[in-house]
């Protein structure tokens, strides 16, 4: 089981983070802690996300609404990357003839001829 962190531990671990910011991120639903019988707990992925949010907030002066949009786009790109890895693995498992046809179709699509 991976480590879980309390709100106080997250604030202590992330140098740029204040308690108020963390509450704001949670209220805006751009950070979603797990809720247990002992209250909210945060995972390592939440800590990384909070670090990124603090960096975007401070370095680019983004408010909570803008952070929500940016983090949503990052989440979508991450999902697309996972989908692409799955497609590549599926194509790699196909016979060489299929891989060649897929490669040729991709080259045509990139050149704009397939439109």
Protein backbone atom coordinates (compact mmCIF):
# COMPACT_ATOMS: atom_id res chain seq x y z
CA UNK A 1 0.00 0.00 0.00
CA UNK A 2 1.29 3.43 -0.89
CA UNK A 3 1.86 6.09 1.71
CA UNK A 4 -0.98 8.46 2.58
CA UNK A 5 -0.41 12.00 3.79
CA UNK A 6 -2.48 14.28 6.00
CA UNK A 7 -3.21 17.87 5.04
CA UNK A 8 -0.54 19.09 7.46
CA UNK A 9 2.02 16.69 5.98
CA UNK A 10 1.28 17.87 2.45
CA UNK A 11 1.72 21.51 3.47
CA UNK A 12 5.02 20.60 5.18
CA UNK A 13 6.26 18.64 2.14
CA UNK A 14 5.46 21.26 -0.51
CA UNK A 15 7.56 24.34 0.20
CA UNK A 16 5.44 26.79 -1.80
CA UNK A 17 2.10 25.53 -0.48
CA UNK A 18 -0.01 27.18 2.20
CA UNK A 19 -2.92 25.63 4.05
CA UNK A 20 -5.26 28.15 2.39
CA UNK A 21 -4.01 27.21 -1.08
CA UNK A 22 -4.53 23.52 -0.45
CA UNK A 23 -8.07 24.15 0.76
CA UNK A 24 -8.68 26.31 -2.31
CA UNK A 25 -7.39 23.56 -4.64
CA UNK A 26 -9.64 20.99 -2.97
CA UNK A 27 -12.69 23.28 -3.04
CA UNK A 28 -12.07 23.93 -6.75
CA UNK A 29 -11.82 20.15 -7.24
CA UNK A 30 -8.42 20.35 -8.92
CA UNK A 31 -6.99 18.23 -6.12
CA UNK A 32 -9.15 15.38 -4.87
CA UNK A 33 -7.95 13.71 -1.69
CA UNK A 34 -9.29 10.35 -0.57
CA UNK A 35 -11.79 10.56 2.24
CA UNK A 36 -11.41 8.07 5.06
CA UNK A 37 -12.87 7.69 8.52
CA UNK A 38 -9.97 9.81 9.77
CA UNK A 39 -10.52 12.63 7.27
CA UNK A 40 -8.91 13.52 3.95
CA UNK A 41 -5.69 11.83 2.94
CA UNK A 42 -3.44 12.60 0.04
CA UNK A 43 -1.42 10.27 -2.19
CA UNK A 44 2.00 10.87 -3.72
CA UNK A 45 0.32 11.79 -7.02
CA UNK A 46 -1.61 14.52 -5.17
CA UNK A 47 1.63 15.94 -3.81
CA UNK A 48 3.14 16.09 -7.31
CA UNK A 49 -0.05 17.70 -8.59
CA UNK A 50 0.00 20.31 -5.80
CA UNK A 51 3.66 21.10 -6.56
CA UNK A 52 2.75 21.70 -10.21
CA UNK A 53 -0.25 23.82 -9.23
CA UNK A 54 1.91 25.97 -6.94
CA UNK A 55 4.49 26.40 -9.68
CA UNK A 56 1.87 27.38 -12.26
CA UNK A 57 0.15 29.69 -9.80
CA UNK A 58 3.30 31.54 -8.79
CA UNK A 59 5.35 31.49 -12.00
CA UNK A 60 2.47 32.34 -14.33
CA UNK A 61 0.22 34.17 -11.86
CA UNK A 62 -2.74 31.88 -12.60
CA UNK A 63 -5.86 32.02 -10.46
CA UNK A 64 -7.78 28.92 -9.36
CA UNK A 65 -10.10 28.93 -12.39
CA UNK A 66 -7.19 29.12 -14.82
CA UNK A 67 -5.36 26.41 -12.89
CA UNK A 68 -8.42 24.19 -13.26
CA UNK A 69 -8.38 24.64 -17.04
CA UNK A 70 -4.63 24.06 -17.33
CA UNK A 71 -4.61 20.98 -15.10
CA UNK A 72 -7.61 19.57 -17.01
CA UNK A 73 -5.68 19.93 -20.27
CA UNK A 74 -2.63 18.27 -18.70
CA UNK A 75 -4.84 15.41 -17.48
CA UNK A 76 -6.29 15.00 -20.98
CA UNK A 77 -2.82 14.92 -22.55
CA UNK A 78 -1.74 12.33 -20.01
CA UNK A 79 -4.77 10.20 -20.92
CA UNK A 80 -4.08 10.51 -24.64
CA UNK A 81 -0.48 9.48 -24.04
CA UNK A 82 -1.66 6.32 -22.28
CA UNK A 83 -4.07 5.57 -25.12
CA UNK A 84 -1.31 6.07 -27.67
CA UNK A 85 1.01 3.68 -25.80
CA UNK A 86 -1.78 1.07 -25.80
CA UNK A 87 -2.35 1.48 -29.55
CA UNK A 88 1.38 1.24 -30.23
CA UNK A 89 1.61 -1.95 -28.17
CA UNK A 90 -1.37 -3.44 -30.03
CA UNK A 91 0.12 -2.56 -33.43
CA UNK A 92 3.52 -3.92 -32.39
CA UNK A 93 1.85 -7.27 -31.60
CA UNK A 94 0.45 -7.52 -35.14
CA UNK A 95 2.19 -9.26 -38.05
CA UNK A 96 4.72 -7.25 -40.00
CA UNK A 97 2.34 -6.78 -42.95
CA UNK A 98 -0.22 -5.08 -40.71
CA UNK A 99 2.47 -2.88 -39.14
CA UNK A 100 3.59 -1.80 -42.63
CA UNK A 101 0.04 -0.92 -43.67
CA UNK A 102 -0.51 1.06 -40.47
CA UNK A 103 2.82 2.86 -41.01
CA UNK A 104 1.88 3.72 -44.59
CA UNK A 105 -1.54 4.99 -43.49
CA UNK A 106 0.09 7.17 -40.83
CA UNK A 107 2.53 8.65 -43.35
CA UNK A 108 -0.38 9.49 -45.67
CA UNK A 109 -2.34 11.06 -42.84
CA UNK A 110 0.63 13.21 -41.80
CA UNK A 111 1.15 14.41 -45.36
CA UNK A 112 -2.48 15.53 -45.60
CA UNK A 113 -3.22 13.24 -48.55
CA UNK A 114 -5.68 11.11 -46.54
CA UNK A 115 -8.04 14.09 -45.93
